[in-house]
Amino acid sequence: MMTLSWVSSASAVSPDVVNIGVGTKGKYVVMNARLVDGFTEKIREAIANGVPMSFTYDIELRKANTL
């Protein structure tokens, strides 16, 4: 199970993570996903104007225990 969480300012539309794909590349676990409605218009404008931004996502990877 994979859990994604982030802090977002209040908006009319809730953010959603879609198209989640998980795999391995050698000894690494890799993940791809798409964030929909995750940024306010103000943040999108700032990015379009070249303002440096960084985003942090907390991802928890769990392995099911089999008996």
N, C-alpha and C. Protein backbone atom coordinates (compact mmCIF):
# COMPACT_ATOMS: atom_id res chain seq x y z
N MET A 1 0.84 -1.17 0.00
CA MET A 1 0.00 0.00 0.00
C MET A 1 0.88 1.23 0.00
N MET A 2 0.52 2.24 -0.75
CA MET A 2 1.29 3.46 -0.81
C MET A 2 0.39 4.61 -0.40
N THR A 3 0.89 5.48 0.45
CA THR A 3 0.13 6.62 0.93
C THR A 3 0.86 7.89 0.55
N LEU A 4 0.16 8.82 -0.07
CA LEU A 4 0.72 10.12 -0.41
C LEU A 4 -0.01 11.17 0.40
N SER A 5 0.73 12.11 0.94
CA SER A 5 0.08 13.18 1.68
C SER A 5 0.80 14.49 1.41
N TRP A 6 0.07 15.59 1.46
CA TRP A 6 0.67 16.90 1.29
C TRP A 6 -0.23 17.92 1.94
N VAL A 7 0.33 19.11 2.15
CA VAL A 7 -0.42 20.20 2.73
C VAL A 7 -0.80 21.13 1.61
N SER A 8 -2.05 21.47 1.53
CA SER A 8 -2.53 22.34 0.47
C SER A 8 -3.41 23.42 1.08
N SER A 9 -3.34 24.63 0.52
CA SER A 9 -4.21 25.68 1.02
C SER A 9 -5.64 25.38 0.58
N ALA A 10 -6.57 25.97 1.26
CA ALA A 10 -7.98 25.71 0.95
C ALA A 10 -8.29 26.11 -0.48
N SER A 11 -9.00 25.27 -1.17
CA SER A 11 -9.41 25.56 -2.54
C SER A 11 -10.76 24.90 -2.79
N ALA A 12 -11.39 25.29 -3.88
CA ALA A 12 -12.71 24.75 -4.20
C ALA A 12 -12.62 23.29 -4.63
N VAL A 13 -11.50 22.88 -5.19
CA VAL A 13 -11.32 21.53 -5.68
C VAL A 13 -10.27 20.83 -4.84
N SER A 14 -10.53 19.61 -4.45
CA SER A 14 -9.56 18.86 -3.66
C SER A 14 -8.50 18.25 -4.58
N PRO A 15 -7.23 18.28 -4.15
CA PRO A 15 -6.18 17.64 -4.95
C PRO A 15 -6.39 16.13 -5.02
N ASP A 16 -5.91 15.54 -6.10
CA ASP A 16 -6.05 14.11 -6.28
C ASP A 16 -4.79 13.57 -6.95
N VAL A 17 -4.32 12.42 -6.51
CA VAL A 17 -3.18 11.76 -7.13
C VAL A 17 -3.72 10.62 -7.98
N VAL A 18 -3.38 10.63 -9.27
CA VAL A 18 -3.89 9.63 -10.21
C VAL A 18 -2.74 9.00 -10.98
N ASN A 19 -3.06 7.95 -11.70
CA ASN A 19 -2.08 7.25 -12.54
C ASN A 19 -0.83 6.85 -11.76
N ILE A 20 -1.02 6.25 -10.61
CA ILE A 20 0.11 5.84 -9.77
C ILE A 20 0.70 4.55 -10.33
N GLY A 21 1.99 4.58 -10.54
CA GLY A 21 2.70 3.38 -11.00
C GLY A 21 3.93 3.17 -10.14
N VAL A 22 4.14 1.94 -9.70
CA VAL A 22 5.29 1.61 -8.85
C VAL A 22 6.02 0.44 -9.48
N GLY A 23 7.35 0.51 -9.46
CA GLY A 23 8.15 -0.58 -10.01
C GLY A 23 9.54 -0.56 -9.40
N THR A 24 10.41 -1.35 -9.94
CA THR A 24 11.80 -1.38 -9.47
C THR A 24 12.73 -1.07 -10.63
N LYS A 25 13.85 -0.48 -10.29
CA LYS A 25 14.91 -0.21 -11.25
C LYS A 25 16.21 -0.56 -10.55
N GLY A 26 16.67 -1.77 -10.79
CA GLY A 26 17.83 -2.25 -10.05
C GLY A 26 17.46 -2.43 -8.59
N LYS A 27 18.24 -1.80 -7.71
CA LYS A 27 17.96 -1.90 -6.27
C LYS A 27 17.03 -0.80 -5.76
N TYR A 28 16.49 0.02 -6.66
CA TYR A 28 15.64 1.13 -6.27
C TYR A 28 14.17 0.85 -6.56
N VAL A 29 13.30 1.37 -5.70
CA VAL A 29 11.86 1.37 -5.96
C VAL A 29 11.55 2.73 -6.58
N VAL A 30 10.87 2.72 -7.72
CA VAL A 30 10.54 3.96 -8.40
C VAL A 30 9.02 4.13 -8.46
N MET A 31 8.58 5.38 -8.47
CA MET A 31 7.16 5.67 -8.50
C MET A 31 6.89 6.83 -9.44
N ASN A 32 5.83 6.73 -10.20
CA ASN A 32 5.35 7.82 -11.04
C ASN A 32 3.89 8.06 -10.69
N ALA A 33 3.49 9.33 -10.69
CA ALA A 33 2.10 9.67 -10.41
C ALA A 33 1.83 11.06 -10.97
N ARG A 34 0.56 11.39 -11.07
CA ARG A 34 0.15 12.70 -11.55
C ARG A 34 -0.71 13.36 -10.48
N LEU A 35 -0.36 14.60 -10.13
CA LEU A 35 -1.12 15.37 -9.15
C LEU A 35 -2.09 16.28 -9.91
N VAL A 36 -3.38 16.13 -9.64
CA VAL A 36 -4.42 16.91 -10.30
C VAL A 36 -5.00 17.90 -9.30
N ASP A 37 -5.12 19.16 -9.70
CA ASP A 37 -5.69 20.22 -8.86
C ASP A 37 -4.94 20.37 -7.55
N GLY A 38 -3.62 20.25 -7.60
CA GLY A 38 -2.81 20.34 -6.39
C GLY A 38 -2.26 21.72 -6.09
N PHE A 39 -2.38 22.65 -7.05
CA PHE A 39 -1.79 23.98 -6.86
C PHE A 39 -2.84 25.06 -7.05
N THR A 40 -2.72 26.10 -6.27
CA THR A 40 -3.61 27.25 -6.43
C THR A 40 -3.20 28.03 -7.67
N GLU A 41 -4.07 28.89 -8.13
CA GLU A 41 -3.77 29.74 -9.29
C GLU A 41 -2.55 30.61 -9.01
N LYS A 42 -2.42 31.09 -7.78
CA LYS A 42 -1.28 31.93 -7.40
C LYS A 42 0.04 31.17 -7.55
N ILE A 43 0.07 29.92 -7.14
CA ILE A 43 1.28 29.11 -7.28
C ILE A 43 1.57 28.84 -8.75
N ARG A 44 0.54 28.52 -9.54
CA ARG A 44 0.75 28.29 -10.98
C ARG A 44 1.31 29.53 -11.67
N GLU A 45 0.80 30.71 -11.31
CA GLU A 45 1.30 31.96 -11.89
C GLU A 45 2.76 32.18 -11.51
N ALA A 46 3.11 31.92 -10.25
CA ALA A 46 4.49 32.11 -9.81
C ALA A 46 5.43 31.19 -10.58
N ILE A 47 5.04 29.93 -10.76
CA ILE A 47 5.87 28.99 -11.53
C ILE A 47 6.01 29.47 -12.97
N ALA A 48 4.91 29.92 -13.58
CA ALA A 48 4.95 30.42 -14.95
C ALA A 48 5.86 31.63 -15.09
N ASN A 49 6.00 32.42 -14.02
CA ASN A 49 6.85 33.60 -14.03
C ASN A 49 8.28 33.30 -13.62
N GLY A 50 8.61 32.03 -13.43
CA GLY A 50 9.99 31.65 -13.15
C GLY A 50 10.40 31.66 -11.69
N VAL A 51 9.46 31.82 -10.78
CA VAL A 51 9.79 31.79 -9.35
C VAL A 51 10.19 30.36 -8.98
N PRO A 52 11.38 30.19 -8.37
CA PRO A 52 11.81 28.83 -7.98
C PRO A 52 10.86 28.25 -6.93
N MET A 53 10.48 27.02 -7.11
CA MET A 53 9.60 26.33 -6.17
C MET A 53 10.17 24.95 -5.88
N SER A 54 9.90 24.46 -4.71
CA SER A 54 10.22 23.06 -4.41
C SER A 54 9.02 22.46 -3.70
N PHE A 55 8.80 21.19 -3.94
CA PHE A 55 7.67 20.49 -3.37
C PHE A 55 8.17 19.21 -2.72
N THR A 56 7.62 18.88 -1.57
CA THR A 56 8.01 17.67 -0.86
C THR A 56 6.79 16.78 -0.70
N TYR A 57 6.95 15.53 -1.04
CA TYR A 57 5.89 14.54 -0.88
C TYR A 57 6.38 13.48 0.08
N ASP A 58 5.56 13.12 1.03
CA ASP A 58 5.88 12.02 1.94
C ASP A 58 5.22 10.77 1.39
N ILE A 59 6.04 9.78 1.10
CA ILE A 59 5.55 8.54 0.52
C ILE A 59 5.89 7.40 1.47
N GLU A 60 4.91 6.60 1.79
CA GLU A 60 5.12 5.46 2.67
C GLU A 60 4.90 4.19 1.87
N LEU A 61 5.92 3.35 1.84
CA LEU A 61 5.86 2.09 1.12
C LEU A 61 5.78 0.97 2.14
N ARG A 62 4.77 0.14 2.02
CA ARG A 62 4.58 -0.97 2.96
C ARG A 62 4.53 -2.29 2.22
N LYS A 63 5.06 -3.30 2.84
CA LYS A 63 5.00 -4.65 2.30
C LYS A 63 4.05 -5.46 3.16
N ALA A 64 3.10 -6.11 2.53
CA ALA A 64 2.14 -6.93 3.27
C ALA A 64 2.84 -8.15 3.84
N ASN A 65 2.56 -8.47 5.09
CA ASN A 65 3.09 -9.68 5.72
C ASN A 65 2.23 -10.86 5.30
N THR A 66 2.88 -11.91 4.83
CA THR A 66 2.14 -13.12 4.48
C THR A 66 2.38 -14.17 5.55
N LEU A 67 1.36 -14.89 5.89
CA LEU A 67 1.48 -15.92 6.93
C LEU A 67 1.63 -17.28 6.34
